[in-house]
Amino acid sequence: MNFTNETSDDAILVELGERLARLRLNRNTTQSALADEAGISLRTLQRLEDGQPTQLVNLVRVARALDLLENLEALVPAPAPSPLQQIARRGRERRRASSRPNRREIPEPWSWEDEE
């Protein structure tokens, strides 16, 4: 199933629950063992796998127990800095320090040419 904006919340929860259950079964793990490893109750895991609403932290805990945390990165990727933010940061970039002091040439004092 591909999720779109037209996919109902309930359908998404059911699909995610079925995927979690398939992953658990592919790893030959019982619901009880996974719930213990995730630090959630058996009933909470059953609710997740049945596609019933539960707290988001429970999904994170189950994803951690199934070694799927890196997949959550794809769910909500870190936003890239906007072009304006990139420009603003350029002004604050550290520049290489000069090895010698900035020496300004001191001009000779001005005088009339005929004053020699």
C-alpha atoms as a PDB file:
ATOM      1  CA  MET A   1       0.000   0.000   0.000  1.00  0.00           C
ATOM      2  CA  ASN A   2       1.254   3.465  -0.876  1.00  0.00           C
ATOM      3  CA  PHE A   3       0.160   6.169   1.509  1.00  0.00           C
ATOM      4  CA  THR A   4      -1.315   9.298  -0.016  1.00  0.00           C
ATOM      5  CA  ASN A   5      -3.124  12.294   1.404  1.00  0.00           C
ATOM      6  CA  GLU A   6      -6.354  10.518   0.500  1.00  0.00           C
ATOM      7  CA  THR A   7      -5.484   7.449   2.609  1.00  0.00           C
ATOM      8  CA  SER A   8      -7.500   7.510   5.823  1.00  0.00           C
ATOM      9  CA  ASP A   9      -5.786   7.619   9.199  1.00  0.00           C
ATOM     10  CA  ASP A  10      -7.396   4.305  10.124  1.00  0.00           C
ATOM     11  CA  ALA A  11      -6.114   2.625   6.954  1.00  0.00           C
ATOM     12  CA  ILE A  12      -2.590   3.881   7.646  1.00  0.00           C
ATOM     13  CA  LEU A  13      -2.688   2.600  11.237  1.00  0.00           C
ATOM     14  CA  VAL A  14      -3.926  -0.811  10.084  1.00  0.00           C
ATOM     15  CA  GLU A  15      -1.221  -1.062   7.403  1.00  0.00           C
ATOM     16  CA  LEU A  16       1.534  -0.025   9.838  1.00  0.00           C
ATOM     17  CA  GLY A  17       0.269  -2.529  12.392  1.00  0.00           C
ATOM     18  CA  GLU A  18       0.260  -5.316   9.819  1.00  0.00           C
ATOM     19  CA  ARG A  19       3.807  -4.421   8.758  1.00  0.00           C
ATOM     20  CA  LEU A  20       5.001  -4.482  12.375  1.00  0.00           C
ATOM     21  CA  ALA A  21       3.365  -7.876  12.885  1.00  0.00           C
ATOM     22  CA  ARG A  22       4.971  -9.273   9.695  1.00  0.00           C
ATOM     23  CA  LEU A  23       8.403  -7.977  10.762  1.00  0.00           C
ATOM     24  CA  ARG A  24       7.978  -9.522  14.191  1.00  0.00           C
ATOM     25  CA  LEU A  25       6.926 -12.852  12.711  1.00  0.00           C
ATOM     26  CA  ASN A  26       9.773 -12.794  10.158  1.00  0.00           C
ATOM     27  CA  ARG A  27      12.142 -12.506  13.112  1.00  0.00           C
ATOM     28  CA  ASN A  28      10.371 -15.409  14.807  1.00  0.00           C
ATOM     29  CA  THR A  29       9.577 -13.305  17.888  1.00  0.00           C
ATOM     30  CA  THR A  30       6.434 -13.591  19.965  1.00  0.00           C
ATOM     31  CA  GLN A  31       4.314 -10.598  20.857  1.00  0.00           C
ATOM     32  CA  SER A  32       5.179 -11.135  24.493  1.00  0.00           C
ATOM     33  CA  ALA A  33       8.943 -11.185  23.821  1.00  0.00           C
ATOM     34  CA  LEU A  34       8.808  -8.077  21.636  1.00  0.00           C
ATOM     35  CA  ALA A  35       6.658  -6.209  24.153  1.00  0.00           C
ATOM     36  CA  ASP A  36       9.167  -7.044  26.907  1.00  0.00           C
ATOM     37  CA  GLU A  37      12.110  -5.964  24.758  1.00  0.00           C
ATOM     38  CA  ALA A  38      10.357  -2.724  23.796  1.00  0.00           C
ATOM     39  CA  GLY A  39       9.345  -1.986  27.386  1.00  0.00           C
ATOM     40  CA  ILE A  40       5.630  -1.817  26.633  1.00  0.00           C
ATOM     41  CA  SER A  41       2.716  -3.964  27.700  1.00  0.00           C
ATOM     42  CA  LEU A  42       1.555  -6.915  25.634  1.00  0.00           C
ATOM     43  CA  ARG A  43      -1.819  -5.214  25.205  1.00  0.00           C
ATOM     44  CA  THR A  44      -0.136  -2.069  23.809  1.00  0.00           C
ATOM     45  CA  LEU A  45       1.734  -4.139  21.223  1.00  0.00           C
ATOM     46  CA  GLN A  46      -1.488  -5.918  20.308  1.00  0.00           C
ATOM     47  CA  ARG A  47      -3.168  -2.545  19.830  1.00  0.00           C
ATOM     48  CA  LEU A  48      -0.310  -1.373  17.571  1.00  0.00           C
ATOM     49  CA  GLU A  49      -0.448  -4.521  15.453  1.00  0.00           C
ATOM     50  CA  ASP A  50      -4.251  -4.283  15.241  1.00  0.00           C
ATOM     51  CA  GLY A  51      -3.990  -0.736  13.894  1.00  0.00           C
ATOM     52  CA  GLN A  52      -5.589   0.856  16.928  1.00  0.00           C
ATOM     53  CA  PRO A  53      -4.492   4.287  18.145  1.00  0.00           C
ATOM     54  CA  THR A  54      -1.729   4.380  20.728  1.00  0.00           C
ATOM     55  CA  GLN A  55       0.933   6.828  21.842  1.00  0.00           C
ATOM     56  CA  LEU A  56       3.693   7.623  19.387  1.00  0.00           C
ATOM     57  CA  VAL A  57       6.352   6.698  21.930  1.00  0.00           C
ATOM     58  CA  ASN A  58       5.126   3.103  21.756  1.00  0.00           C
ATOM     59  CA  LEU A  59       5.845   2.992  18.025  1.00  0.00           C
ATOM     60  CA  VAL A  60       9.331   4.383  18.676  1.00  0.00           C
ATOM     61  CA  ARG A  61       9.988   1.742  21.326  1.00  0.00           C
ATOM     62  CA  VAL A  62       8.854  -1.093  19.060  1.00  0.00           C
ATOM     63  CA  ALA A  63      10.895   0.322  16.161  1.00  0.00           C
ATOM     64  CA  ARG A  64      13.958   0.391  18.434  1.00  0.00           C
ATOM     65  CA  ALA A  65      13.382  -3.211  19.529  1.00  0.00           C
ATOM     66  CA  LEU A  66      13.078  -4.268  15.859  1.00  0.00           C
ATOM     67  CA  ASP A  67      16.196  -2.246  14.883  1.00  0.00           C
ATOM     68  CA  LEU A  68      14.122   0.060  12.680  1.00  0.00           C
ATOM     69  CA  LEU A  69      15.008   3.447  14.158  1.00  0.00           C
ATOM     70  CA  GLU A  70      17.001   4.451  11.095  1.00  0.00           C
ATOM     71  CA  ASN A  71      13.828   3.969   9.053  1.00  0.00           C
ATOM     72  CA  LEU A  72      12.073   6.617  11.147  1.00  0.00           C
ATOM     73  CA  GLU A  73      14.578   9.127   9.759  1.00  0.00           C
ATOM     74  CA  ALA A  74      12.902   8.678   6.368  1.00  0.00           C
ATOM     75  CA  LEU A  75       9.501   9.287   7.948  1.00  0.00           C
ATOM     76  CA  VAL A  76      10.349  12.832   8.998  1.00  0.00           C
ATOM     77  CA  PRO A  77      13.700  13.828   7.483  1.00  0.00           C
ATOM     78  CA  ALA A  78      15.640  16.723   8.931  1.00  0.00           C
ATOM     79  CA  PRO A  79      14.858  19.849   6.938  1.00  0.00           C
ATOM     80  CA  ALA A  80      17.637  21.344   4.869  1.00  0.00           C
ATOM     81  CA  PRO A  81      18.579  24.926   5.695  1.00  0.00           C
ATOM     82  CA  SER A  82      16.759  27.451   3.564  1.00  0.00           C
ATOM     83  CA  PRO A  83      18.785  29.476   1.056  1.00  0.00           C
ATOM     84  CA  LEU A  84      18.347  32.547   3.266  1.00  0.00           C
ATOM     85  CA  GLN A  85      19.739  30.685   6.275  1.00  0.00           C
ATOM     86  CA  GLN A  86      22.705  29.518   4.202  1.00  0.00           C
ATOM     87  CA  ILE A  87      23.461  33.091   3.135  1.00  0.00           C
ATOM     88  CA  ALA A  88      23.146  34.347   6.708  1.00  0.00           C
ATOM     89  CA  ARG A  89      25.582  31.685   7.934  1.00  0.00           C
ATOM     90  CA  ARG A  90      28.176  32.662   5.365  1.00  0.00           C
ATOM     91  CA  GLY A  91      28.609  35.985   7.082  1.00  0.00           C
ATOM     92  CA  ARG A  92      29.520  34.186  10.297  1.00  0.00           C
ATOM     93  CA  GLU A  93      31.942  31.674   8.826  1.00  0.00           C
ATOM     94  CA  ARG A  94      35.351  31.730  10.401  1.00  0.00           C
ATOM     95  CA  ARG A  95      37.999  33.034   8.109  1.00  0.00           C
ATOM     96  CA  ARG A  96      41.638  32.079   8.186  1.00  0.00           C
ATOM     97  CA  ALA A  97      43.635  34.130  10.619  1.00  0.00           C
ATOM     98  CA  SER A  98      46.383  36.227   9.096  1.00  0.00           C
ATOM     99  CA  SER A  99      49.911  35.203  10.056  1.00  0.00           C
ATOM    100  CA  ARG A 100      51.163  38.785  10.154  1.00  0.00           C
ATOM    101  CA  PRO A 101      49.525  41.886  11.459  1.00  0.00           C
ATOM    102  CA  ASN A 102      47.731  44.147   9.063  1.00  0.00           C
ATOM    103  CA  ARG A 103      50.335  46.837   8.423  1.00  0.00           C
ATOM    104  CA  ARG A 104      49.161  50.041   6.885  1.00  0.00           C
ATOM    105  CA  GLU A 105      51.726  52.063   5.092  1.00  0.00           C
ATOM    106  CA  ILE A 106      52.275  55.374   6.834  1.00  0.00           C
ATOM    107  CA  PRO A 107      52.589  58.132   4.236  1.00  0.00           C
ATOM    108  CA  GLU A 108      55.487  60.514   4.445  1.00  0.00           C
ATOM    109  CA  PRO A 109      54.533  63.937   5.758  1.00  0.00           C
ATOM    110  CA  TRP A 110      53.446  66.322   3.053  1.00  0.00           C
ATOM    111  CA  SER A 111      55.618  69.262   2.258  1.00  0.00           C
ATOM    112  CA  TRP A 112      56.046  71.901  -0.412  1.00  0.00           C
ATOM    113  CA  GLU A 113      58.525  70.821  -3.002  1.00  0.00           C
ATOM    114  CA  ASP A 114      60.492  74.052  -2.702  1.00  0.00           C
ATOM    115  CA  GLU A 115      61.090  73.580   1.031  1.00  0.00           C
ATOM    116  CA  GLU A 116      64.212  71.568   0.668  1.00  0.00           C
END
